[in-house]
């Protein structure tokens, strides 16, 4: 996490929104809060009606309510935000189960944004490897509406993850974005067309 490295996070959200058809009412699931740049970018779109953010680290949540509120425009105070403290992989499992059984009132997401790590091979927690596995990608896909987008922030290109991503979504794009530091951030984007490859 760094307040000077937000360009690629914001670009990832913008690119995901570009791939979504609905003119309004977009629901987004975000794994990882970080500095709040991704959340702020999503909330700045009038097309977005709800963002669920899952963050495991209580300190990150506290910082976003205090020190980082000025950086991200008080994003957590927006009434469209639902904040859940806990592990993203566990949330995905529960959400995918509700989606498969059409639990009462539960609706799939238009986009799932994953920014819990620096990629599938540079993890903040070993347990997060499950998110990037073939099974984890299926859980993410199960949480998406047809035409929905799944986006994964990363620090570098990862060949093994690309193979799993292609199997799960059929195709994907990879983009790099220059940061203020002179380095690049990057992300993968897959779009779920409603047909499982």
Protein backbone atom coordinates (compact mmCIF):
# COMPACT_ATOMS: atom_id res chain seq x y z
CA UNK A 1 0.00 0.00 0.00
CA UNK A 2 1.25 3.45 -0.95
CA UNK A 3 -0.61 6.70 -1.52
CA UNK A 4 1.61 7.55 -4.52
CA UNK A 5 0.86 4.31 -6.39
CA UNK A 6 -2.79 4.55 -7.36
CA UNK A 7 -2.89 5.06 -11.12
CA UNK A 8 -3.07 1.37 -12.02
CA UNK A 9 -5.73 0.66 -9.40
CA UNK A 10 -7.93 3.44 -10.77
CA UNK A 11 -7.27 2.34 -14.36
CA UNK A 12 -8.33 -1.22 -13.52
CA UNK A 13 -11.71 0.00 -12.28
CA UNK A 14 -12.16 2.26 -15.31
CA UNK A 15 -11.36 -0.57 -17.72
CA UNK A 16 -13.76 -2.94 -15.97
CA UNK A 17 -16.55 -0.36 -16.14
CA UNK A 18 -15.87 0.15 -19.85
CA UNK A 19 -16.64 -3.53 -20.44
CA UNK A 20 -19.97 -3.41 -18.60
CA UNK A 21 -23.15 -2.72 -20.54
CA UNK A 22 -25.63 -1.46 -17.90
CA UNK A 23 -26.05 2.34 -17.95
CA UNK A 24 -26.79 2.30 -14.22
CA UNK A 25 -27.32 0.00 -11.24
CA UNK A 26 -23.86 -1.59 -11.41
CA UNK A 27 -22.90 -3.71 -8.40
CA UNK A 28 -19.21 -4.29 -7.67
CA UNK A 29 -17.44 -6.67 -5.31
CA UNK A 30 -13.94 -5.63 -4.22
CA UNK A 31 -11.43 -7.87 -2.51
CA UNK A 32 -9.01 -5.61 -0.65
CA UNK A 33 -9.45 -1.99 0.41
CA UNK A 34 -5.87 -0.71 0.36
CA UNK A 35 -5.64 3.07 0.26
CA UNK A 36 -9.18 3.27 -1.13
CA UNK A 37 -8.27 4.41 -4.65
CA UNK A 38 -10.19 1.60 -6.38
CA UNK A 39 -13.22 2.22 -4.20
CA UNK A 40 -13.11 5.97 -4.85
CA UNK A 41 -12.87 5.38 -8.61
CA UNK A 42 -15.91 3.09 -8.56
CA UNK A 43 -17.95 5.52 -6.48
CA UNK A 44 -17.11 8.40 -8.81
CA UNK A 45 -19.06 6.64 -11.57
CA UNK A 46 -22.77 7.54 -11.57
CA UNK A 47 -23.41 4.09 -13.06
CA UNK A 48 -22.38 2.35 -9.82
CA UNK A 49 -25.15 1.76 -7.29
CA UNK A 50 -23.42 -0.53 -4.78
CA UNK A 51 -19.91 -1.63 -3.83
CA UNK A 52 -19.20 -4.45 -1.40
CA UNK A 53 -15.65 -4.29 -0.03
CA UNK A 54 -14.07 -7.23 1.79
CA UNK A 55 -10.96 -6.40 3.85
CA UNK A 56 -9.28 -8.75 6.31
CA UNK A 57 -6.99 -6.29 8.08
CA UNK A 58 -8.72 -4.17 10.76
CA UNK A 59 -5.88 -1.62 10.69
CA UNK A 60 -6.50 -0.93 7.00
CA UNK A 61 -10.15 -0.26 7.75
CA UNK A 62 -9.22 2.08 10.62
CA UNK A 63 -6.70 3.95 8.45
CA UNK A 64 -9.33 4.42 5.73
CA UNK A 65 -11.66 5.97 8.27
CA UNK A 66 -8.95 8.27 9.60
CA UNK A 67 -5.56 8.98 7.96
CA UNK A 68 -6.57 7.92 4.43
CA UNK A 69 -10.03 9.51 4.36
CA UNK A 70 -8.51 12.70 2.97
CA UNK A 71 -6.71 10.73 0.26
CA UNK A 72 -9.74 8.78 -0.94
CA UNK A 73 -12.41 11.40 -0.34
CA UNK A 74 -13.98 9.62 2.62
CA UNK A 75 -14.98 6.69 0.41
CA UNK A 76 -16.15 4.49 3.28
CA UNK A 77 -18.73 7.10 4.25
CA UNK A 78 -20.59 6.71 0.96
CA UNK A 79 -23.98 5.02 1.57
CA UNK A 80 -23.45 2.78 -1.46
CA UNK A 81 -20.58 1.01 0.32
CA UNK A 82 -20.99 -2.22 2.28
CA UNK A 83 -17.80 -3.03 4.20
CA UNK A 84 -17.15 -6.58 5.37
CA UNK A 85 -14.25 -7.52 7.61
CA UNK A 86 -12.86 -10.93 6.78
CA UNK A 87 -11.04 -13.10 4.26
CA UNK A 88 -11.98 -12.53 0.65
CA UNK A 89 -11.72 -16.21 -0.31
CA UNK A 90 -14.19 -17.17 2.43
CA UNK A 91 -16.59 -14.45 1.26
CA UNK A 92 -16.32 -15.74 -2.34
CA UNK A 93 -17.18 -19.27 -1.24
CA UNK A 94 -20.29 -18.13 0.58
CA UNK A 95 -21.35 -15.76 -2.20
CA UNK A 96 -20.88 -18.38 -4.93
CA UNK A 97 -22.92 -20.89 -2.92
CA UNK A 98 -25.75 -18.36 -2.58
CA UNK A 99 -25.57 -17.63 -6.31
CA UNK A 100 -25.77 -21.31 -7.26
CA UNK A 101 -28.76 -21.93 -5.02
CA UNK A 102 -30.43 -18.61 -5.90
CA UNK A 103 -30.73 -17.72 -2.22
CA UNK A 104 -33.56 -15.34 -1.50
CA UNK A 105 -32.79 -11.80 -2.52
CA UNK A 106 -29.15 -12.49 -3.41
CA UNK A 107 -27.92 -10.93 -6.64
CA UNK A 108 -24.74 -11.53 -8.59
CA UNK A 109 -22.23 -8.77 -9.26
CA UNK A 110 -21.45 -6.94 -12.47
CA UNK A 111 -17.75 -6.81 -11.56
CA UNK A 112 -15.35 -8.46 -9.14
CA UNK A 113 -12.15 -6.51 -8.45
CA UNK A 114 -9.30 -8.43 -6.77
CA UNK A 115 -6.54 -6.37 -5.15
CA UNK A 116 -5.58 -8.45 -2.15
CA UNK A 117 -2.01 -9.14 -3.30
CA UNK A 118 0.69 -8.17 -5.78
CA UNK A 119 -0.44 -11.04 -7.98
CA UNK A 120 -0.86 -14.80 -7.75
CA UNK A 121 2.83 -15.40 -7.00
CA UNK A 122 3.42 -12.43 -4.68
CA UNK A 123 0.90 -12.91 -1.92
CA UNK A 124 0.23 -10.85 1.19
CA UNK A 125 -1.09 -14.03 2.86
CA UNK A 126 -0.35 -17.62 1.80
CA UNK A 127 -4.05 -18.44 2.12
CA UNK A 128 -4.82 -16.04 -0.73
CA UNK A 129 -3.38 -18.51 -3.23
CA UNK A 130 -6.84 -20.09 -3.29
CA UNK A 131 -8.27 -16.95 -4.93
CA UNK A 132 -6.03 -17.37 -7.98
CA UNK A 133 -6.44 -21.14 -8.32
CA UNK A 134 -8.71 -22.73 -10.90
CA UNK A 135 -11.29 -23.32 -8.15
CA UNK A 136 -11.01 -19.71 -6.98
CA UNK A 137 -11.55 -18.39 -10.49
CA UNK A 138 -14.66 -20.55 -10.78
CA UNK A 139 -15.96 -19.04 -7.53
CA UNK A 140 -15.41 -15.55 -8.94
CA UNK A 141 -17.12 -16.49 -12.18
CA UNK A 142 -20.08 -17.91 -10.24
CA UNK A 143 -20.46 -14.54 -8.50
CA UNK A 144 -20.68 -12.67 -11.82
CA UNK A 145 -23.64 -11.86 -13.99
CA UNK A 146 -23.29 -12.78 -17.69
CA UNK A 147 -21.28 -9.96 -19.25
CA UNK A 148 -19.61 -9.28 -15.92
CA UNK A 149 -15.92 -8.48 -15.53
CA UNK A 150 -13.28 -9.93 -13.21
CA UNK A 151 -10.18 -7.81 -12.67
CA UNK A 152 -6.95 -8.77 -10.88
CA UNK A 153 -4.34 -6.19 -9.91
CA UNK A 154 -0.75 -7.46 -10.14
CA UNK A 155 2.81 -6.21 -10.12
CA UNK A 156 3.99 -8.29 -13.08
CA UNK A 157 2.90 -10.68 -15.79
CA UNK A 158 2.30 -14.28 -14.64
CA UNK A 159 2.22 -17.03 -17.27
CA UNK A 160 0.73 -19.79 -15.10
CA UNK A 161 -2.08 -17.52 -13.89
CA UNK A 162 -2.81 -16.51 -17.49
CA UNK A 163 -3.46 -20.15 -18.39
CA UNK A 164 -5.92 -20.54 -15.54
CA UNK A 165 -7.57 -17.24 -16.40
CA UNK A 166 -8.01 -18.29 -20.02
CA UNK A 167 -9.56 -21.60 -18.97
CA UNK A 168 -11.98 -19.81 -16.65
CA UNK A 169 -12.99 -16.90 -18.90
CA UNK A 170 -12.03 -17.91 -22.43
CA UNK A 171 -9.95 -14.79 -22.97
CA UNK A 172 -8.45 -11.90 -21.03
CA UNK A 173 -6.55 -8.66 -21.46
CA UNK A 174 -3.40 -7.59 -19.64
CA UNK A 175 -2.50 -3.94 -19.24
CA UNK A 176 0.33 -2.00 -17.64
CA UNK A 177 0.00 1.51 -16.24
CA UNK A 178 2.91 3.85 -15.35
CA UNK A 179 2.92 5.00 -11.74
CA UNK A 180 4.35 8.18 -10.20
CA UNK A 181 7.36 6.17 -9.05
CA UNK A 182 8.35 5.44 -12.65
CA UNK A 183 7.50 1.78 -12.17
CA UNK A 184 4.45 0.09 -13.63
CA UNK A 185 1.39 -1.46 -12.06
CA UNK A 186 -0.69 -3.86 -14.08
CA UNK A 187 -3.91 -5.83 -14.13
CA UNK A 188 -5.70 -8.69 -15.82
CA UNK A 189 -9.31 -8.42 -16.95
CA UNK A 190 -11.56 -11.30 -17.94
CA UNK A 191 -15.17 -10.93 -19.06
CA UNK A 192 -17.70 -13.67 -18.27
CA UNK A 193 -20.00 -14.03 -21.25
CA UNK A 194 -22.35 -16.44 -19.50
CA UNK A 195 -20.86 -19.51 -21.15
CA UNK A 196 -18.32 -21.55 -19.25
CA UNK A 197 -15.29 -22.29 -21.47
